[in-house]
Amino acid sequence: MQLDNATIKRLKGIGHELKPIVMIGNKGITPTITEEIDRALSDHELIKIKLPAGTKEERDIVGAQLAKTANASLVHSIGRMALLLRKNPNANSKLSNLARHAQ
């Protein structure tokens, strides 16, 4: 999904307030992590993930792998945090970070 600059800016603003839902440890991307990310994206649409320690290039690779595996868009990655987006047309408005922060 292609995002324009205004949308990215708005999503980064929402993401700034979020706490990481998934934290990836030293074992990397496991099937359990993938399932949890998929569930979280279905519920919340926009989630923050804490990436494992490593170089910037390694974290960028992990972020891109997560987005590809979850069929989501990597909105932003800074430090050890990554922000993923996958829109859900049937999202619960009480759980969706996009619906709760709609303007």
Protein backbone atom coordinates (compact mmCIF):
# COMPACT_ATOMS: atom_id res chain seq x y z
CA MET A 1 0.00 0.00 0.00
CA GLN A 2 1.38 3.37 -1.01
CA LEU A 3 1.03 6.11 1.60
CA ASP A 4 1.29 9.84 0.93
CA ASN A 5 3.32 12.16 3.16
CA ALA A 6 0.29 13.61 4.97
CA THR A 7 -0.97 10.12 5.85
CA ILE A 8 2.46 9.01 7.04
CA LYS A 9 2.74 12.11 9.22
CA ARG A 10 -0.71 11.45 10.77
CA LEU A 11 0.10 7.75 11.36
CA LYS A 12 3.45 8.61 12.96
CA GLY A 13 1.61 11.00 15.29
CA ILE A 14 -0.80 8.25 16.32
CA GLY A 15 2.05 5.75 16.63
CA HIS A 16 4.02 8.06 18.90
CA GLU A 17 1.37 7.61 21.61
CA LEU A 18 1.22 3.81 21.27
CA LYS A 19 3.06 1.32 23.42
CA PRO A 20 4.75 -1.64 21.69
CA ILE A 21 2.31 -4.55 21.37
CA VAL A 22 4.91 -7.09 20.26
CA MET A 23 8.53 -7.30 21.36
CA ILE A 24 10.91 -9.41 19.31
CA GLY A 25 13.68 -11.10 21.25
CA ASN A 26 16.93 -12.75 20.31
CA LYS A 27 15.17 -15.67 18.59
CA GLY A 28 13.93 -13.30 15.90
CA ILE A 29 10.76 -13.79 13.92
CA THR A 30 9.14 -17.03 15.07
CA PRO A 31 5.76 -18.46 14.04
CA THR A 32 4.34 -17.36 17.39
CA ILE A 33 5.52 -13.78 16.82
CA THR A 34 4.03 -13.84 13.32
CA GLU A 35 0.67 -15.04 14.66
CA GLU A 36 0.63 -12.37 17.37
CA ILE A 37 1.45 -9.62 14.87
CA ASP A 38 -1.30 -10.86 12.56
CA ARG A 39 -3.83 -10.86 15.42
CA ALA A 40 -2.74 -7.42 16.60
CA LEU A 41 -2.98 -5.93 13.11
CA SER A 42 -6.46 -7.40 12.67
CA ASP A 43 -7.60 -5.85 15.95
CA HIS A 44 -5.69 -2.56 16.03
CA GLU A 45 -4.75 -1.89 12.37
CA LEU A 46 -1.77 0.25 13.44
CA ILE A 47 0.74 -1.28 15.85
CA LYS A 48 4.14 -0.51 17.27
CA ILE A 49 6.72 -3.30 17.50
CA LYS A 50 9.94 -3.33 19.48
CA LEU A 51 12.73 -4.80 17.36
CA PRO A 52 15.74 -6.77 18.60
CA ALA A 53 19.04 -5.05 19.23
CA GLY A 54 21.46 -4.88 16.35
CA THR A 55 22.70 -2.52 13.69
CA LYS A 56 20.35 -0.19 11.84
CA GLU A 57 20.62 -2.32 8.72
CA GLU A 58 19.67 -5.47 10.67
CA ARG A 59 16.67 -3.72 12.25
CA ASP A 60 15.57 -2.39 8.85
CA ILE A 61 15.70 -5.92 7.44
CA VAL A 62 13.65 -7.29 10.35
CA GLY A 63 11.08 -4.50 9.95
CA ALA A 64 10.75 -5.17 6.23
CA GLN A 65 10.44 -8.93 6.85
CA LEU A 66 7.70 -8.35 9.43
CA ALA A 67 5.75 -6.12 7.05
CA LYS A 68 6.04 -8.62 4.22
CA THR A 69 5.11 -11.60 6.41
CA ALA A 70 2.09 -9.79 7.89
CA ASN A 71 0.99 -8.34 4.53
CA ALA A 72 1.27 -4.88 6.09
CA SER A 73 2.95 -1.58 5.35
CA LEU A 74 5.99 -0.44 7.28
CA VAL A 75 5.00 3.14 8.07
CA HIS A 76 8.07 4.16 10.02
CA SER A 77 11.10 2.70 11.73
CA ILE A 78 13.25 4.58 14.20
CA GLY A 79 15.68 3.10 16.67
CA ARG A 80 14.29 -0.20 17.90
CA MET A 81 10.67 0.68 17.09
CA ALA A 82 8.72 -0.12 13.93
CA LEU A 83 5.21 1.01 13.06
CA LEU A 84 3.11 -1.36 10.95
CA LEU A 85 -0.23 -0.67 9.26
CA ARG A 86 -2.75 -3.07 7.79
CA LYS A 87 -6.23 -1.68 7.25
CA ASN A 88 -9.15 -3.89 8.25
CA PRO A 89 -12.52 -2.99 6.71
CA ASN A 90 -14.30 -4.85 9.54
CA ALA A 91 -12.25 -3.36 12.39
CA ASN A 92 -13.77 -3.00 15.83
CA SER A 93 -13.94 0.75 16.48
CA LYS A 94 -13.15 0.21 20.17
CA LEU A 95 -9.90 -1.62 19.37
CA SER A 96 -8.73 0.10 16.20
CA ASN A 97 -6.04 2.72 16.78
CA LEU A 98 -7.09 4.42 13.54
CA ALA A 99 -10.75 4.70 14.57
CA ARG A 100 -9.94 5.89 18.07
CA HIS A 101 -7.68 8.64 16.75
CA ALA A 102 -9.87 9.65 13.79
CA GLN A 103 -10.14 13.37 13.27
